[in-house]
Structures are given as C-alpha cells and as structure tokens.
C-alpha cells in the first residue's frame, strides 16, 4: 500500500496513514486520493485494525487538491468514495493536523471522527471563491459541527481561521503544542484501542444515523456540481 506520496504503517491495532508530499504541502493528486481510498478500505476490512490515524508530513496536513494535477470527474468521485469510507466505516478515525488544512485537506480531516490539531494549524474552505462547491460531504458535516449560519459563512466567504477558533466552534477535539501533536494523537488512539470496538462502532452508527441520515445524497450532490479543474 505504500507509495512515495502515501506511507502506511500498522501496529497493535492502529493503522497509520501519512501524506508524504511535503514539498507540495501534501496537496492531493488523483493517484494520492486513490491510494488513500485503497488504504482506508484495507484498514476497514482488516479485523486486526481497530483505529485509523491520518497525518501529514512537514509544514502542512494537506493543502487541498493539487492545482497542477489534472482535474476530472474520476478524481472527485475518488474523494467522495474516500469520505464515504471514513464517515460510514465502522472503525474510528483520527486526523492529526498541523499547518495548513485547506479545501479538500480540511474536508479530509472532517471526514475523520476526531480532529486533533497542532497550535500552528490553519484552516480554510476556499472553493466557493473559486466558483466550486466543496467535496467530502462538507455541506452535511459542517452545519452539524458549527451550526447552519457559521457553516454558510465559512463555505461562502472562505475565511482563514486558526486552531483555537476551530476548537471553540467544535471542528477540533483537542489542540496541542505543535511538538506534542504526534504523541497527543497517538494517546487518543490508545484510549480508543482500550475501548470495546463493538461499543465504538455502535455509537458511531447511532450518532451518524441521527446526525447524517442523508450523507450519501450530499456526496452525490457535491459530485454533480463539481467541475473538473
């Protein structure tokens, strides 16, 4: 599953996925998105895996879609399938976010069940300012996390906000000093690993069933509105 841009490691029930394209702030290409999707599906299907952790290498978590990579309906479809695999997968997932999480990068983090951010994290959803909707089910997830009015402001205006504000608004579970972020994320993973996996999956299914009953329809709607870049 490892490629030069995605590195996976599995140990003691934890499946770690690292975006490894730091020279491009881990911006996603179609190939990276497909490898991410394959890795998440592998982890969800493997009975030895109980928790997923997604993190980025270098100065950013993920700067969104790589503008130099060819845009296509297939690329968008892969992002939507990735969101579905994380949101509707039974196993809990954690995003450890440092530096920039922009556009599809922030959407990837929000597809995870818990976000732990470094105090240097910066977030932005610029798609509407570029004439496009977001992806990854963000139009369903964001109102649940921050409220309807704030969601529209973030999606329409594309303003940057920091980790402290993200935590206040409910996008982030915890904020750690940047050097402590990897260990803080793994400490959270260890707490989940120590919890009954059936209880975790049951709670996730109940919460998402109540809060995101039309998530699939949102994914389809976003994909239908997206234009290849």
C-alpha atoms as a PDB file:
ATOM      1  CA  UNK A   1       0.000   0.000   0.000  1.00  0.00           C
ATOM      2  CA  UNK A   2       2.962   2.354   0.496  1.00  0.00           C
ATOM      3  CA  UNK A   3       3.861   4.768  -2.299  1.00  0.00           C
ATOM      4  CA  UNK A   4       6.247   7.696  -2.318  1.00  0.00           C
ATOM      5  CA  UNK A   5       3.315  10.022  -1.509  1.00  0.00           C
ATOM      6  CA  UNK A   6       1.378   7.839   0.970  1.00  0.00           C
ATOM      7  CA  UNK A   7       3.051   5.817   3.712  1.00  0.00           C
ATOM      8  CA  UNK A   8       1.077   3.283   5.763  1.00  0.00           C
ATOM      9  CA  UNK A   9       2.083   1.512   8.956  1.00  0.00           C
ATOM     10  CA  UNK A  10       0.091  -0.955  11.014  1.00  0.00           C
ATOM     11  CA  UNK A  11       0.875  -1.981  14.587  1.00  0.00           C
ATOM     12  CA  UNK A  12      -1.014  -3.008  17.704  1.00  0.00           C
ATOM     13  CA  UNK A  13      -4.423  -2.382  16.144  1.00  0.00           C
ATOM     14  CA  UNK A  14      -3.533   1.098  14.852  1.00  0.00           C
ATOM     15  CA  UNK A  15      -3.376   1.809  11.112  1.00  0.00           C
ATOM     16  CA  UNK A  16      -1.348   4.960  10.428  1.00  0.00           C
ATOM     17  CA  UNK A  17      -1.622   6.770   7.093  1.00  0.00           C
ATOM     18  CA  UNK A  18       0.865   9.565   6.403  1.00  0.00           C
ATOM     19  CA  UNK A  19       0.545  12.001   3.498  1.00  0.00           C
ATOM     20  CA  UNK A  20       4.141  12.257   2.318  1.00  0.00           C
ATOM     21  CA  UNK A  21       4.446  15.027  -0.242  1.00  0.00           C
ATOM     22  CA  UNK A  22       5.809  17.849   1.901  1.00  0.00           C
ATOM     23  CA  UNK A  23       7.313  19.798  -0.984  1.00  0.00           C
ATOM     24  CA  UNK A  24       3.720  20.405  -2.194  1.00  0.00           C
ATOM     25  CA  UNK A  25       2.216  20.750   1.295  1.00  0.00           C
ATOM     26  CA  UNK A  26       0.715  17.269   0.792  1.00  0.00           C
ATOM     27  CA  UNK A  27      -1.668  18.559  -1.868  1.00  0.00           C
ATOM     28  CA  UNK A  28      -3.706  15.701  -3.287  1.00  0.00           C
ATOM     29  CA  UNK A  29      -3.244  14.272  -6.763  1.00  0.00           C
ATOM     30  CA  UNK A  30      -5.629  11.714  -8.278  1.00  0.00           C
ATOM     31  CA  UNK A  31      -3.101   8.980  -7.555  1.00  0.00           C
ATOM     32  CA  UNK A  32      -2.751  10.016  -3.911  1.00  0.00           C
ATOM     33  CA  UNK A  33      -6.516  10.108  -3.474  1.00  0.00           C
ATOM     34  CA  UNK A  34      -6.842   6.606  -4.915  1.00  0.00           C
ATOM     35  CA  UNK A  35      -4.078   5.277  -2.669  1.00  0.00           C
ATOM     36  CA  UNK A  36      -5.727   6.908   0.340  1.00  0.00           C
ATOM     37  CA  UNK A  37      -9.040   5.301  -0.574  1.00  0.00           C
ATOM     38  CA  UNK A  38      -7.415   1.889  -1.002  1.00  0.00           C
ATOM     39  CA  UNK A  39      -5.637   2.241   2.357  1.00  0.00           C
ATOM     40  CA  UNK A  40      -8.788   3.231   4.237  1.00  0.00           C
ATOM     41  CA  UNK A  41     -10.768   0.396   2.688  1.00  0.00           C
ATOM     42  CA  UNK A  42      -7.988  -2.048   3.561  1.00  0.00           C
ATOM     43  CA  UNK A  43      -7.963  -0.841   7.162  1.00  0.00           C
ATOM     44  CA  UNK A  44     -11.742  -1.000   7.479  1.00  0.00           C
ATOM     45  CA  UNK A  45     -11.768  -4.583   6.160  1.00  0.00           C
ATOM     46  CA  UNK A  46      -8.868  -5.859   8.272  1.00  0.00           C
ATOM     47  CA  UNK A  47     -10.070  -7.381  11.573  1.00  0.00           C
ATOM     48  CA  UNK A  48      -6.648  -6.662  13.114  1.00  0.00           C
ATOM     49  CA  UNK A  49      -7.178  -2.893  12.643  1.00  0.00           C
ATOM     50  CA  UNK A  50      -9.263  -1.087  15.247  1.00  0.00           C
ATOM     51  CA  UNK A  51      -8.344   2.602  14.829  1.00  0.00           C
ATOM     52  CA  UNK A  52      -7.127   4.718  11.894  1.00  0.00           C
ATOM     53  CA  UNK A  53      -4.813   7.739  12.164  1.00  0.00           C
ATOM     54  CA  UNK A  54      -4.227  10.144   9.262  1.00  0.00           C
ATOM     55  CA  UNK A  55      -1.449  12.740   9.419  1.00  0.00           C
ATOM     56  CA  UNK A  56       0.715  14.825   7.111  1.00  0.00           C
ATOM     57  CA  UNK A  57       4.462  15.172   6.670  1.00  0.00           C
ATOM     58  CA  UNK A  58       6.166  18.547   7.001  1.00  0.00           C
ATOM     59  CA  UNK A  59       4.634  22.008   7.317  1.00  0.00           C
ATOM     60  CA  UNK A  60       1.046  21.124   6.416  1.00  0.00           C
ATOM     61  CA  UNK A  61      -1.568  18.458   6.871  1.00  0.00           C
ATOM     62  CA  UNK A  62      -2.944  18.885   3.343  1.00  0.00           C
ATOM     63  CA  UNK A  63      -3.244  21.968   1.135  1.00  0.00           C
ATOM     64  CA  UNK A  64      -6.221  20.539  -0.776  1.00  0.00           C
ATOM     65  CA  UNK A  65      -6.305  19.401  -4.367  1.00  0.00           C
ATOM     66  CA  UNK A  66      -3.078  19.984  -6.258  1.00  0.00           C
ATOM     67  CA  UNK A  67      -3.861  22.699  -8.789  1.00  0.00           C
ATOM     68  CA  UNK A  68      -1.212  21.329 -11.138  1.00  0.00           C
ATOM     69  CA  UNK A  69      -2.799  17.871 -11.155  1.00  0.00           C
ATOM     70  CA  UNK A  70      -5.419  17.136 -13.810  1.00  0.00           C
ATOM     71  CA  UNK A  71      -8.952  17.604 -12.543  1.00  0.00           C
ATOM     72  CA  UNK A  72     -11.564  15.077 -13.530  1.00  0.00           C
ATOM     73  CA  UNK A  73     -14.891  13.638 -12.541  1.00  0.00           C
ATOM     74  CA  UNK A  74     -12.990  10.481 -11.562  1.00  0.00           C
ATOM     75  CA  UNK A  75     -10.817  12.476  -9.130  1.00  0.00           C
ATOM     76  CA  UNK A  76     -13.914  13.952  -7.475  1.00  0.00           C
ATOM     77  CA  UNK A  77     -15.534  10.524  -7.362  1.00  0.00           C
ATOM     78  CA  UNK A  78     -12.499   9.129  -5.552  1.00  0.00           C
ATOM     79  CA  UNK A  79     -12.666  11.918  -2.955  1.00  0.00           C
ATOM     80  CA  UNK A  80     -16.355  11.187  -2.406  1.00  0.00           C
ATOM     81  CA  UNK A  81     -15.700   7.471  -2.011  1.00  0.00           C
ATOM     82  CA  UNK A  82     -12.931   8.278   0.457  1.00  0.00           C
ATOM     83  CA  UNK A  83     -15.334  10.407   2.504  1.00  0.00           C
ATOM     84  CA  UNK A  84     -17.892   7.612   2.475  1.00  0.00           C
ATOM     85  CA  UNK A  85     -15.291   5.045   3.588  1.00  0.00           C
ATOM     86  CA  UNK A  86     -14.231   7.195   6.552  1.00  0.00           C
ATOM     87  CA  UNK A  87     -17.606   8.554   7.631  1.00  0.00           C
ATOM     88  CA  UNK A  88     -19.599   5.349   7.173  1.00  0.00           C
ATOM     89  CA  UNK A  89     -16.800   2.936   8.077  1.00  0.00           C
ATOM     90  CA  UNK A  90     -17.314   1.204  11.408  1.00  0.00           C
ATOM     91  CA  UNK A  91     -13.850   1.924  12.795  1.00  0.00           C
ATOM     92  CA  UNK A  92     -12.956   5.249  14.440  1.00  0.00           C
ATOM     93  CA  UNK A  93     -10.509   7.564  12.716  1.00  0.00           C
ATOM     94  CA  UNK A  94      -8.352  10.424  13.963  1.00  0.00           C
ATOM     95  CA  UNK A  95      -6.814  13.264  11.948  1.00  0.00           C
ATOM     96  CA  UNK A  96      -3.650  14.875  13.356  1.00  0.00           C
ATOM     97  CA  UNK A  97      -3.495  18.303  11.712  1.00  0.00           C
ATOM     98  CA  UNK A  98      -0.528  20.646  11.633  1.00  0.00           C
ATOM     99  CA  UNK A  99      -0.062  23.722   9.489  1.00  0.00           C
ATOM    100  CA  UNK A 100      -2.474  24.196   6.611  1.00  0.00           C
ATOM    101  CA  UNK A 101      -5.638  22.154   6.097  1.00  0.00           C
ATOM    102  CA  UNK A 102      -7.270  23.792   3.084  1.00  0.00           C
ATOM    103  CA  UNK A 103     -10.221  22.800   0.912  1.00  0.00           C
ATOM    104  CA  UNK A 104     -10.136  19.061   0.309  1.00  0.00           C
ATOM    105  CA  UNK A 105      -7.469  18.831   3.032  1.00  0.00           C
ATOM    106  CA  UNK A 106      -9.813  20.235   5.662  1.00  0.00           C
ATOM    107  CA  UNK A 107     -12.616  18.101   4.260  1.00  0.00           C
ATOM    108  CA  UNK A 108     -10.418  15.015   4.661  1.00  0.00           C
ATOM    109  CA  UNK A 109      -9.795  15.939   8.302  1.00  0.00           C
ATOM    110  CA  UNK A 110     -13.529  16.433   8.905  1.00  0.00           C
ATOM    111  CA  UNK A 111     -14.234  13.013   7.412  1.00  0.00           C
ATOM    112  CA  UNK A 112     -12.345  11.609  10.401  1.00  0.00           C
ATOM    113  CA  UNK A 113     -14.213  11.107  13.649  1.00  0.00           C
ATOM    114  CA  UNK A 114     -11.856  13.186  15.794  1.00  0.00           C
ATOM    115  CA  UNK A 115      -9.508  16.006  14.790  1.00  0.00           C
ATOM    116  CA  UNK A 116      -6.517  16.840  16.961  1.00  0.00           C
ATOM    117  CA  UNK A 117      -4.742  19.987  15.804  1.00  0.00           C
ATOM    118  CA  UNK A 118      -1.370  21.497  16.443  1.00  0.00           C
ATOM    119  CA  UNK A 119      -1.454  25.058  17.705  1.00  0.00           C
ATOM    120  CA  UNK A 120       0.010  26.094  14.343  1.00  0.00           C
ATOM    121  CA  UNK A 121      -2.927  24.690  12.365  1.00  0.00           C
ATOM    122  CA  UNK A 122      -4.716  26.950   9.899  1.00  0.00           C
ATOM    123  CA  UNK A 123      -7.969  26.110   8.145  1.00  0.00           C
ATOM    124  CA  UNK A 124      -9.751  27.425   5.075  1.00  0.00           C
ATOM    125  CA  UNK A 125     -12.527  26.393   2.657  1.00  0.00           C
ATOM    126  CA  UNK A 126     -11.891  28.488  -0.482  1.00  0.00           C
ATOM    127  CA  UNK A 127     -13.916  26.505  -3.035  1.00  0.00           C
ATOM    128  CA  UNK A 128     -16.865  28.909  -3.405  1.00  0.00           C
ATOM    129  CA  UNK A 129     -14.432  31.767  -4.003  1.00  0.00           C
ATOM    130  CA  UNK A 130     -13.094  29.666  -6.896  1.00  0.00           C
ATOM    131  CA  UNK A 131     -16.581  29.054  -8.268  1.00  0.00           C
ATOM    132  CA  UNK A 132     -16.968  25.491  -6.975  1.00  0.00           C
ATOM    133  CA  UNK A 133     -18.673  23.663  -4.113  1.00  0.00           C
ATOM    134  CA  UNK A 134     -16.702  21.688  -1.610  1.00  0.00           C
ATOM    135  CA  UNK A 135     -16.360  17.919  -1.590  1.00  0.00           C
ATOM    136  CA  UNK A 136     -16.172  15.163   1.002  1.00  0.00           C
ATOM    137  CA  UNK A 137     -19.688  15.757   2.314  1.00  0.00           C
ATOM    138  CA  UNK A 138     -18.616  19.049   3.878  1.00  0.00           C
ATOM    139  CA  UNK A 139     -22.072  20.550   3.250  1.00  0.00           C
ATOM    140  CA  UNK A 140     -23.561  17.948   5.596  1.00  0.00           C
ATOM    141  CA  UNK A 141     -20.724  17.761   8.113  1.00  0.00           C
ATOM    142  CA  UNK A 142     -20.058  21.454   8.652  1.00  0.00           C
ATOM    143  CA  UNK A 143     -23.575  22.513   9.762  1.00  0.00           C
ATOM    144  CA  UNK A 144     -23.615  19.655  12.271  1.00  0.00           C
ATOM    145  CA  UNK A 145     -20.283  20.758  13.705  1.00  0.00           C
ATOM    146  CA  UNK A 146     -20.532  24.561  13.740  1.00  0.00           C
ATOM    147  CA  UNK A 147     -24.180  25.411  13.106  1.00  0.00           C
ATOM    148  CA  UNK A 148     -26.022  26.464   9.967  1.00  0.00           C
ATOM    149  CA  UNK A 149     -25.167  30.167   9.890  1.00  0.00           C
ATOM    150  CA  UNK A 150     -21.494  29.709  10.652  1.00  0.00           C
ATOM    151  CA  UNK A 151     -21.274  26.893   8.091  1.00  0.00           C
ATOM    152  CA  UNK A 152     -22.634  29.153   5.359  1.00  0.00           C
ATOM    153  CA  UNK A 153     -20.183  31.888   6.307  1.00  0.00           C
ATOM    154  CA  UNK A 154     -17.203  29.535   6.190  1.00  0.00           C
ATOM    155  CA  UNK A 155     -18.291  27.964   2.908  1.00  0.00           C
ATOM    156  CA  UNK A 156     -19.263  31.218   1.165  1.00  0.00           C
ATOM    157  CA  UNK A 157     -16.515  33.558   2.352  1.00  0.00           C
ATOM    158  CA  UNK A 158     -13.547  31.192   2.594  1.00  0.00           C
ATOM    159  CA  UNK A 159     -12.050  32.978   5.595  1.00  0.00           C
ATOM    160  CA  UNK A 160      -8.963  31.540   7.272  1.00  0.00           C
ATOM    161  CA  UNK A 161      -9.257  30.511  10.931  1.00  0.00           C
ATOM    162  CA  UNK A 162      -6.861  29.068  13.471  1.00  0.00           C
ATOM    163  CA  UNK A 163      -6.813  26.015  15.743  1.00  0.00           C
ATOM    164  CA  UNK A 164      -8.141  27.894  18.764  1.00  0.00           C
ATOM    165  CA  UNK A 165     -11.160  29.116  16.822  1.00  0.00           C
ATOM    166  CA  UNK A 166     -11.688  25.678  15.293  1.00  0.00           C
ATOM    167  CA  UNK A 167     -11.767  24.160  18.770  1.00  0.00           C
ATOM    168  CA  UNK A 168     -14.199  26.805  20.036  1.00  0.00           C
ATOM    169  CA  UNK A 169     -16.505  26.089  17.100  1.00  0.00           C
ATOM    170  CA  UNK A 170     -16.431  22.311  17.523  1.00  0.00           C
ATOM    171  CA  UNK A 171     -14.385  21.334  14.466  1.00  0.00           C
ATOM    172  CA  UNK A 172     -11.457  20.132  16.583  1.00  0.00           C
ATOM    173  CA  UNK A 173     -11.467  17.844  19.627  1.00  0.00           C
ATOM    174  CA  UNK A 174      -8.115  18.941  21.062  1.00  0.00           C
ATOM    175  CA  UNK A 175      -5.315  21.437  20.394  1.00  0.00           C
ATOM    176  CA  UNK A 176      -1.730  20.501  21.222  1.00  0.00           C
ATOM    177  CA  UNK A 177       1.547  22.407  21.070  1.00  0.00           C
ATOM    178  CA  UNK A 178       2.970  21.528  17.669  1.00  0.00           C
ATOM    179  CA  UNK A 179       5.869  19.372  19.002  1.00  0.00           C
ATOM    180  CA  UNK A 180       3.409  17.351  21.089  1.00  0.00           C
ATOM    181  CA  UNK A 181       0.878  16.727  18.302  1.00  0.00           C
ATOM    182  CA  UNK A 182       2.041  13.238  17.194  1.00  0.00           C
ATOM    183  CA  UNK A 183       2.064  11.882  20.746  1.00  0.00           C
ATOM    184  CA  UNK A 184      -1.236  13.591  21.644  1.00  0.00           C
ATOM    185  CA  UNK A 185      -2.891  11.960  18.622  1.00  0.00           C
ATOM    186  CA  UNK A 186      -1.466   8.545  19.492  1.00  0.00           C
ATOM    187  CA  UNK A 187      -2.524   8.915  23.114  1.00  0.00           C
ATOM    188  CA  UNK A 188      -6.072   9.474  21.876  1.00  0.00           C
ATOM    189  CA  UNK A 189      -5.740   6.430  19.632  1.00  0.00           C
ATOM    190  CA  UNK A 190      -4.590   4.336  22.589  1.00  0.00           C
ATOM    191  CA  UNK A 191      -7.686   5.347  24.548  1.00  0.00           C
ATOM    192  CA  UNK A 192      -9.876   4.208  21.662  1.00  0.00           C
ATOM    193  CA  UNK A 193      -7.893   0.984  21.342  1.00  0.00           C
ATOM    194  CA  UNK A 194      -8.596   0.303  25.021  1.00  0.00           C
ATOM    195  CA  UNK A 195     -12.360   0.640  24.443  1.00  0.00           C
ATOM    196  CA  UNK A 196     -14.656  -2.161  23.305  1.00  0.00           C
ATOM    197  CA  UNK A 197     -14.597  -1.938  19.480  1.00  0.00           C
ATOM    198  CA  UNK A 198     -18.224  -3.012  19.188  1.00  0.00           C
ATOM    199  CA  UNK A 199     -19.255  -0.198  21.503  1.00  0.00           C
ATOM    200  CA  UNK A 200     -17.290   2.310  19.433  1.00  0.00           C
ATOM    201  CA  UNK A 201     -18.816   1.170  16.150  1.00  0.00           C
ATOM    202  CA  UNK A 202     -22.308   1.054  17.646  1.00  0.00           C
ATOM    203  CA  UNK A 203     -22.023   4.593  18.995  1.00  0.00           C
ATOM    204  CA  UNK A 204     -20.667   5.848  15.669  1.00  0.00           C
ATOM    205  CA  UNK A 205     -23.500   4.228  13.734  1.00  0.00           C
ATOM    206  CA  UNK A 206     -26.130   5.684  16.069  1.00  0.00           C
ATOM    207  CA  UNK A 207     -24.637   9.195  16.050  1.00  0.00           C
ATOM    208  CA  UNK A 208     -24.201   9.281  12.274  1.00  0.00           C
ATOM    209  CA  UNK A 209     -27.612   7.754  11.687  1.00  0.00           C
ATOM    210  CA  UNK A 210     -29.174  10.579  13.681  1.00  0.00           C
ATOM    211  CA  UNK A 211     -26.955  13.444  12.520  1.00  0.00           C
ATOM    212  CA  UNK A 212     -26.107  12.471   8.921  1.00  0.00           C
ATOM    213  CA  UNK A 213     -29.060  10.487   7.546  1.00  0.00           C
ATOM    214  CA  UNK A 214     -28.669  11.936   4.042  1.00  0.00           C
ATOM    215  CA  UNK A 215     -24.877  11.911   3.832  1.00  0.00           C
ATOM    216  CA  UNK A 216     -24.887   9.818   0.654  1.00  0.00           C
ATOM    217  CA  UNK A 217     -27.196  12.282  -1.063  1.00  0.00           C
ATOM    218  CA  UNK A 218     -24.877  15.145  -0.105  1.00  0.00           C
ATOM    219  CA  UNK A 219     -21.898  13.303  -1.600  1.00  0.00           C
ATOM    220  CA  UNK A 220     -23.844  12.734  -4.827  1.00  0.00           C
ATOM    221  CA  UNK A 221     -24.921  16.375  -4.967  1.00  0.00           C
ATOM    222  CA  UNK A 222     -21.397  17.688  -4.488  1.00  0.00           C
ATOM    223  CA  UNK A 223     -20.050  15.396  -7.191  1.00  0.00           C
ATOM    224  CA  UNK A 224     -22.774  16.525  -9.579  1.00  0.00           C
ATOM    225  CA  UNK A 225     -21.902  20.205  -9.062  1.00  0.00           C
ATOM    226  CA  UNK A 226     -18.117  19.857  -9.263  1.00  0.00           C
ATOM    227  CA  UNK A 227     -16.405  20.902 -12.492  1.00  0.00           C
ATOM    228  CA  UNK A 228     -13.033  19.367 -13.363  1.00  0.00           C
ATOM    229  CA  UNK A 229     -10.240  21.846 -12.683  1.00  0.00           C
END
